[in-house]
C-alpha atoms as a PDB file:
ATOM      1  CA  MET A   1     -47.041  28.553 -38.330  1.00  0.00           C
ATOM      2  CA  SER A   2     -43.360  29.308 -38.172  1.00  0.00           C
ATOM      3  CA  ASP A   3     -43.735  31.468 -35.057  1.00  0.00           C
ATOM      4  CA  VAL A   4     -45.216  28.489 -33.176  1.00  0.00           C
ATOM      5  CA  ASP A   5     -42.238  26.294 -34.011  1.00  0.00           C
ATOM      6  CA  ASP A   6     -39.601  28.961 -33.381  1.00  0.00           C
ATOM      7  CA  GLY A   7     -37.899  28.702 -30.013  1.00  0.00           C
ATOM      8  CA  GLY A   8     -39.965  25.841 -28.702  1.00  0.00           C
ATOM      9  CA  ASP A   9     -37.006  24.126 -27.103  1.00  0.00           C
ATOM     10  CA  ILE A  10     -35.232  27.266 -25.860  1.00  0.00           C
ATOM     11  CA  GLY A  11     -37.226  27.572 -22.634  1.00  0.00           C
ATOM     12  CA  ILE A  12     -36.717  24.031 -21.353  1.00  0.00           C
ATOM     13  CA  PRO A  13     -32.958  24.219 -20.612  1.00  0.00           C
ATOM     14  CA  SER A  14     -33.365  27.548 -18.836  1.00  0.00           C
ATOM     15  CA  VAL A  15     -36.197  26.183 -16.678  1.00  0.00           C
ATOM     16  CA  LEU A  16     -34.099  23.172 -15.755  1.00  0.00           C
ATOM     17  CA  ALA A  17     -31.161  25.415 -14.913  1.00  0.00           C
ATOM     18  CA  TYR A  18     -33.283  27.460 -12.499  1.00  0.00           C
ATOM     19  CA  THR A  19     -34.924  24.472 -10.840  1.00  0.00           C
ATOM     20  CA  GLY A  20     -31.579  22.856 -10.200  1.00  0.00           C
ATOM     21  CA  THR A  21     -30.312  25.825  -8.197  1.00  0.00           C
ATOM     22  CA  ILE A  22     -33.341  26.430  -5.961  1.00  0.00           C
ATOM     23  CA  GLY A  23     -32.847  25.473  -2.327  1.00  0.00           C
ATOM     24  CA  SER A  24     -35.172  25.526   0.624  1.00  0.00           C
ATOM     25  CA  PRO A  25     -35.782  29.017   2.025  1.00  0.00           C
ATOM     26  CA  GLN A  26     -34.411  29.801   5.457  1.00  0.00           C
ATOM     27  CA  PRO A  27     -36.937  31.130   7.991  1.00  0.00           C
ATOM     28  CA  THR A  28     -36.470  34.686   9.188  1.00  0.00           C
ATOM     29  CA  GLN A  29     -36.172  35.637  12.851  1.00  0.00           C
ATOM     30  CA  GLU A  30     -39.777  36.887  12.823  1.00  0.00           C
ATOM     31  CA  GLU A  31     -40.978  33.518  11.560  1.00  0.00           C
ATOM     32  CA  LEU A  32     -38.992  31.701  14.235  1.00  0.00           C
ATOM     33  CA  ASP A  33     -40.546  33.918  16.915  1.00  0.00           C
ATOM     34  CA  LEU A  34     -44.010  33.212  15.532  1.00  0.00           C
ATOM     35  CA  HIS A  35     -43.357  29.467  15.598  1.00  0.00           C
ATOM     36  CA  GLU A  36     -42.397  29.672  19.277  1.00  0.00           C
ATOM     37  CA  GLU A  37     -45.529  31.684  20.093  1.00  0.00           C
ATOM     38  CA  GLU A  38     -47.706  29.224  18.175  1.00  0.00           C
ATOM     39  CA  ASP A  39     -46.153  26.304  20.033  1.00  0.00           C
ATOM     40  CA  ARG A  40     -46.863  27.976  23.374  1.00  0.00           C
ATOM     41  CA  ALA A  41     -50.444  28.738  22.337  1.00  0.00           C
ATOM     42  CA  CYS A  42     -51.105  25.194  21.149  1.00  0.00           C
ATOM     43  CA  PHE A  43     -49.195  23.445  23.928  1.00  0.00           C
ATOM     44  CA  PRO A  44     -49.450  25.612  27.054  1.00  0.00           C
ATOM     45  CA  THR A  45     -47.308  24.913  30.050  1.00  0.00           C
ATOM     46  CA  PHE A  46     -49.144  23.323  32.928  1.00  0.00           C
ATOM     47  CA  GLU A  47     -47.023  25.060  35.550  1.00  0.00           C
ATOM     48  CA  GLU A  48     -48.992  28.267  35.083  1.00  0.00           C
ATOM     49  CA  ASP A  49     -52.263  26.345  35.378  1.00  0.00           C
ATOM     50  CA  VAL A  50     -51.110  24.680  38.590  1.00  0.00           C
ATOM     51  CA  ASP A  51     -50.007  28.000  40.067  1.00  0.00           C
ATOM     52  CA  SER A  52     -53.323  29.672  39.259  1.00  0.00           C
ATOM     53  CA  GLU A  53     -55.268  26.712  40.626  1.00  0.00           C
ATOM     54  CA  GLN A  54     -53.278  26.770  43.869  1.00  0.00           C
ATOM     55  CA  GLU A  55     -53.932  30.506  44.157  1.00  0.00           C
ATOM     56  CA  GLN A  56     -57.664  29.921  43.748  1.00  0.00           C
ATOM     57  CA  ILE A  57     -57.590  27.241  46.445  1.00  0.00           C
ATOM     58  CA  ARG A  58     -55.743  29.613  48.797  1.00  0.00           C
ATOM     59  CA  CYS A  59     -58.402  32.281  48.230  1.00  0.00           C
ATOM     60  CA  ILE A  60     -61.197  29.817  49.002  1.00  0.00           C
ATOM     61  CA  VAL A  61     -59.527  28.385  52.116  1.00  0.00           C
ATOM     62  CA  VAL A  62     -58.479  31.730  53.590  1.00  0.00           C
END
């Protein structure tokens, strides 16, 4: 039973020391590029849609 009681409180201070120094991770450039691409995919610009629609109308009229 002595091996169960030995060192039971040694791990707690070291865990607290590590958790106190952890900060939020900074995104890499690749992640930032992916976020921009995801935003464009989820929220497309309507200018391109308007341009393509006007082109279709021109083809029908002409």
